[in-house]
PDB file of N, CA and C in Angstrom:
ATOM      1  N   MET A   1      -9.941  10.353   0.944  1.00  0.00           N
ATOM      2  CA  MET A   1     -10.138   8.867   0.858  1.00  0.00           C
ATOM      3  C   MET A   1      -9.153   8.738   2.140  1.00  0.00           C
ATOM      4  N   GLU A   2      -9.342   7.972   3.133  1.00  0.00           N
ATOM      5  CA  GLU A   2      -8.700   7.506   4.397  1.00  0.00           C
ATOM      6  C   GLU A   2      -8.017   6.172   4.225  1.00  0.00           C
ATOM      7  N   LEU A   3      -6.605   6.144   4.067  1.00  0.00           N
ATOM      8  CA  LEU A   3      -5.746   5.193   3.962  1.00  0.00           C
ATOM      9  C   LEU A   3      -5.228   4.557   5.566  1.00  0.00           C
ATOM     10  N   LYS A   4      -5.315   3.360   5.551  1.00  0.00           N
ATOM     11  CA  LYS A   4      -4.769   2.630   6.807  1.00  0.00           C
ATOM     12  C   LYS A   4      -3.629   2.793   7.036  1.00  0.00           C
ATOM     13  N   VAL A   5      -2.793   2.708   7.892  1.00  0.00           N
ATOM     14  CA  VAL A   5      -1.214   2.983   8.344  1.00  0.00           C
ATOM     15  C   VAL A   5      -0.873   1.868   8.872  1.00  0.00           C
ATOM     16  N   GLN A   6       0.140   1.105   8.744  1.00  0.00           N
ATOM     17  CA  GLN A   6       0.629   0.204   9.609  1.00  0.00           C
ATOM     18  C   GLN A   6       1.879  -0.043   9.882  1.00  0.00           C
ATOM     19  N   THR A   7       2.162  -0.813  10.906  1.00  0.00           N
ATOM     20  CA  THR A   7       3.891  -0.818  11.103  1.00  0.00           C
ATOM     21  C   THR A   7       4.164  -2.038  10.418  1.00  0.00           C
ATOM     22  N   LEU A   8       5.512  -2.252  10.342  1.00  0.00           N
ATOM     23  CA  LEU A   8       6.002  -3.344   9.720  1.00  0.00           C
ATOM     24  C   LEU A   8       5.833  -4.346  10.123  1.00  0.00           C
ATOM     25  N   SER A   9       5.313  -4.605  11.391  1.00  0.00           N
ATOM     26  CA  SER A   9       5.041  -5.959  11.843  1.00  0.00           C
ATOM     27  C   SER A   9       3.430  -6.186  11.831  1.00  0.00           C
ATOM     28  N   GLY A  10       2.803  -5.250  10.814  1.00  0.00           N
ATOM     29  CA  GLY A  10       1.514  -5.520  11.033  1.00  0.00           C
ATOM     30  C   GLY A  10       0.844  -4.829  11.794  1.00  0.00           C
ATOM     31  N   GLU A  11       0.970  -4.288  12.470  1.00  0.00           N
ATOM     32  CA  GLU A  11      -0.001  -3.495  13.732  1.00  0.00           C
ATOM     33  C   GLU A  11      -0.727  -1.911  13.172  1.00  0.00           C
ATOM     34  N   GLU A  12      -1.816  -1.957  13.372  1.00  0.00           N
ATOM     35  CA  GLU A  12      -2.544  -0.746  12.882  1.00  0.00           C
ATOM     36  C   GLU A  12      -1.824   0.483  13.573  1.00  0.00           C
ATOM     37  N   ALA A  13      -1.393   1.168  12.678  1.00  0.00           N
ATOM     38  CA  ALA A  13      -0.539   2.792  13.388  1.00  0.00           C
ATOM     39  C   ALA A  13      -1.670   3.803  13.143  1.00  0.00           C
ATOM     40  N   GLY A  14      -2.686   3.808  12.522  1.00  0.00           N
ATOM     41  CA  GLY A  14      -3.634   5.012  12.434  1.00  0.00           C
ATOM     42  C   GLY A  14      -4.308   5.110  10.792  1.00  0.00           C
ATOM     43  N   THR A  15      -4.579   6.149  10.614  1.00  0.00           N
ATOM     44  CA  THR A  15      -4.864   6.606   9.083  1.00  0.00           C
ATOM     45  C   THR A  15      -4.421   7.520   8.663  1.00  0.00           C
ATOM     46  N   HIS A  16      -4.398   7.878   7.586  1.00  0.00           N
ATOM     47  CA  HIS A  16      -3.657   9.313   6.980  1.00  0.00           C
ATOM     48  C   HIS A  16      -5.072   9.405   5.647  1.00  0.00           C
ATOM     49  N   SER A  17      -5.400  10.735   5.731  1.00  0.00           N
ATOM     50  CA  SER A  17      -6.256  11.131   4.880  1.00  0.00           C
ATOM     51  C   SER A  17      -5.570  11.672   3.591  1.00  0.00           C
ATOM     52  N   VAL A  18      -5.909  11.181   2.399  1.00  0.00           N
ATOM     53  CA  VAL A  18      -5.287  11.661   0.991  1.00  0.00           C
ATOM     54  C   VAL A  18      -6.432  12.124   0.328  1.00  0.00           C
ATOM     55  N   GLY A  19      -6.001  13.431   0.006  1.00  0.00           N
ATOM     56  CA  GLY A  19      -7.055  14.173  -1.012  1.00  0.00           C
ATOM     57  C   GLY A  19      -6.732  14.379  -2.538  1.00  0.00           C
ATOM     58  N   PHE A  20      -6.057  13.519  -2.924  1.00  0.00           N
ATOM     59  CA  PHE A  20      -5.593  13.645  -4.368  1.00  0.00           C
ATOM     60  C   PHE A  20      -7.008  13.434  -5.017  1.00  0.00           C
ATOM     61  N   SER A  21      -7.314  13.578  -6.021  1.00  0.00           N
ATOM     62  CA  SER A  21      -8.506  13.240  -6.922  1.00  0.00           C
ATOM     63  C   SER A  21      -8.166  12.341  -7.955  1.00  0.00           C
ATOM     64  N   VAL A  22      -7.033  12.049  -8.195  1.00  0.00           N
ATOM     65  CA  VAL A  22      -6.496  11.253  -9.305  1.00  0.00           C
ATOM     66  C   VAL A  22      -6.692   9.892  -8.786  1.00  0.00           C
ATOM     67  N   ILE A  23      -6.625   9.646  -7.395  1.00  0.00           N
ATOM     68  CA  ILE A  23      -6.823   8.279  -6.776  1.00  0.00           C
ATOM     69  C   ILE A  23      -8.526   8.204  -6.146  1.00  0.00           C
ATOM     70  N   GLU A  24      -9.127   9.128  -6.114  1.00  0.00           N
ATOM     71  CA  GLU A  24     -10.461   8.995  -5.510  1.00  0.00           C
ATOM     72  C   GLU A  24     -11.484   8.424  -6.462  1.00  0.00           C
ATOM     73  N   ASP A  25     -10.942   8.072  -7.776  1.00  0.00           N
ATOM     74  CA  ASP A  25     -12.235   7.404  -8.668  1.00  0.00           C
ATOM     75  C   ASP A  25     -11.998   5.816  -8.403  1.00  0.00           C
ATOM     76  N   GLU A  26     -12.445   4.715  -9.041  1.00  0.00           N
ATOM     77  CA  GLU A  26     -12.358   3.712  -8.820  1.00  0.00           C
ATOM     78  C   GLU A  26     -10.804   2.706  -9.550  1.00  0.00           C
ATOM     79  N   LYS A  27     -10.714   3.687 -10.658  1.00  0.00           N
ATOM     80  CA  LYS A  27      -9.648   3.424 -11.351  1.00  0.00           C
ATOM     81  C   LYS A  27      -8.266   3.536 -10.657  1.00  0.00           C
ATOM     82  N   GLY A  28      -8.334   4.748  -9.939  1.00  0.00           N
ATOM     83  CA  GLY A  28      -7.135   5.260  -9.225  1.00  0.00           C
ATOM     84  C   GLY A  28      -7.149   4.215  -7.682  1.00  0.00           C
ATOM     85  N   GLU A  29      -8.114   4.143  -7.272  1.00  0.00           N
ATOM     86  CA  GLU A  29      -7.998   2.841  -5.885  1.00  0.00           C
ATOM     87  C   GLU A  29      -7.016   1.687  -6.527  1.00  0.00           C
ATOM     88  N   GLN A  30      -7.455   0.839  -7.859  1.00  0.00           N
ATOM     89  CA  GLN A  30      -6.829   0.136  -8.044  1.00  0.00           C
ATOM     90  C   GLN A  30      -5.327   0.272  -8.589  1.00  0.00           C
ATOM     91  N   ALA A  31      -5.250   1.349  -9.022  1.00  0.00           N
ATOM     92  CA  ALA A  31      -3.812   1.461  -9.363  1.00  0.00           C
ATOM     93  C   ALA A  31      -2.900   1.886  -7.617  1.00  0.00           C
ATOM     94  N   VAL A  32      -3.511   2.257  -6.899  1.00  0.00           N
ATOM     95  CA  VAL A  32      -2.760   2.368  -5.553  1.00  0.00           C
ATOM     96  C   VAL A  32      -2.663   1.389  -5.031  1.00  0.00           C
ATOM     97  N   HIS A  33      -3.468   0.124  -5.068  1.00  0.00           N
ATOM     98  CA  HIS A  33      -3.621  -1.025  -4.737  1.00  0.00           C
ATOM     99  C   HIS A  33      -2.452  -2.078  -5.409  1.00  0.00           C
ATOM    100  N   ASP A  34      -2.445  -2.032  -6.516  1.00  0.00           N
ATOM    101  CA  ASP A  34      -1.204  -2.681  -7.439  1.00  0.00           C
ATOM    102  C   ASP A  34      -0.306  -2.262  -6.797  1.00  0.00           C
ATOM    103  N   THR A  35       0.125  -0.748  -6.711  1.00  0.00           N
ATOM    104  CA  THR A  35       1.602  -0.563  -6.393  1.00  0.00           C
ATOM    105  C   THR A  35       2.022  -0.839  -5.062  1.00  0.00           C
ATOM    106  N   VAL A  36       0.903  -0.937  -4.150  1.00  0.00           N
ATOM    107  CA  VAL A  36       1.579  -1.490  -2.856  1.00  0.00           C
ATOM    108  C   VAL A  36       1.462  -2.853  -2.955  1.00  0.00           C
ATOM    109  N   VAL A  37       0.787  -3.634  -3.408  1.00  0.00           N
ATOM    110  CA  VAL A  37       1.169  -5.086  -3.619  1.00  0.00           C
ATOM    111  C   VAL A  37       2.686  -5.154  -4.193  1.00  0.00           C
ATOM    112  N   ALA A  38       2.774  -4.459  -5.300  1.00  0.00           N
ATOM    113  CA  ALA A  38       4.309  -4.686  -6.212  1.00  0.00           C
ATOM    114  C   ALA A  38       5.168  -4.538  -5.124  1.00  0.00           C
ATOM    115  N   PHE A  39       5.024  -3.505  -4.391  1.00  0.00           N
ATOM    116  CA  PHE A  39       6.143  -2.840  -3.404  1.00  0.00           C
ATOM    117  C   PHE A  39       6.396  -3.976  -2.321  1.00  0.00           C
ATOM    118  N   MET A  40       5.135  -4.454  -1.678  1.00  0.00           N
ATOM    119  CA  MET A  40       5.387  -5.570  -0.837  1.00  0.00           C
ATOM    120  C   MET A  40       5.946  -7.063  -1.228  1.00  0.00           C
ATOM    121  N   ALA A  41       5.663  -7.302  -2.419  1.00  0.00           N
ATOM    122  CA  ALA A  41       6.190  -8.431  -3.100  1.00  0.00           C
ATOM    123  C   ALA A  41       7.894  -8.386  -3.291  1.00  0.00           C
ATOM    124  N   ALA A  42       8.328  -7.078  -3.683  1.00  0.00           N
ATOM    125  CA  ALA A  42       9.381  -6.632  -3.630  1.00  0.00           C
ATOM    126  C   ALA A  42      10.375  -6.776  -2.548  1.00  0.00           C
ATOM    127  N   GLN A  43       9.585  -6.527  -1.470  1.00  0.00           N
ATOM    128  CA  GLN A  43      10.248  -6.150   0.166  1.00  0.00           C
ATOM    129  C   GLN A  43      10.503  -7.912   0.098  1.00  0.00           C
ATOM    130  N   ARG A  44       9.743  -8.608  -0.229  1.00  0.00           N
ATOM    131  CA  ARG A  44       9.947 -10.339  -0.133  1.00  0.00           C
ATOM    132  C   ARG A  44      11.065 -11.024  -0.825  1.00  0.00           C
ATOM    133  N   SER A  45      11.518 -10.682  -2.095  1.00  0.00           N
ATOM    134  CA  SER A  45      12.070 -10.795  -3.349  1.00  0.00           C
ATOM    135  C   SER A  45      13.461 -10.820  -2.590  1.00  0.00           C
ATOM    136  N   GLY A  46      14.245 -12.088  -3.077  1.00  0.00           N
ATOM    137  CA  GLY A  46      15.641 -12.076  -2.606  1.00  0.00           C
ATOM    138  C   GLY A  46      16.146 -12.555  -1.041  1.00  0.00           C
ATOM    139  N   THR A  47      15.244 -13.150  -0.650  1.00  0.00           N
ATOM    140  CA  THR A  47      15.350 -13.636   0.861  1.00  0.00           C
ATOM    141  C   THR A  47      15.487 -15.208   0.895  1.00  0.00           C
ATOM    142  N   ALA A  48      15.394 -15.841  -0.291  1.00  0.00           N
ATOM    143  CA  ALA A  48      15.656 -17.324  -0.381  1.00  0.00           C
ATOM    144  C   ALA A  48      17.085 -17.685  -0.495  1.00  0.00           C
ATOM    145  N   LYS A  49      17.682 -18.857  -0.174  1.00  0.00           N
ATOM    146  CA  LYS A  49      19.046 -19.211  -0.439  1.00  0.00           C
ATOM    147  C   LYS A  49      18.861 -20.506  -1.346  1.00  0.00           C
ATOM    148  N   THR A  50      19.159 -20.601  -2.429  1.00  0.00           N
ATOM    149  CA  THR A  50      19.086 -21.671  -3.133  1.00  0.00           C
ATOM    150  C   THR A  50      20.456 -22.284  -3.800  1.00  0.00           C
TER     151      THR A  50
END
């Protein structure tokens, strides 16, 4: 499986090959996606001043 790697500014930095059979099936891809989305959401939290 090839994963796209991006910099913090969103520019493409290349690809990274991952050979884990756990994430090569359809459920595994969804788990990776969910983890990345949760990580990115956590990065945005706590920035608002109320």
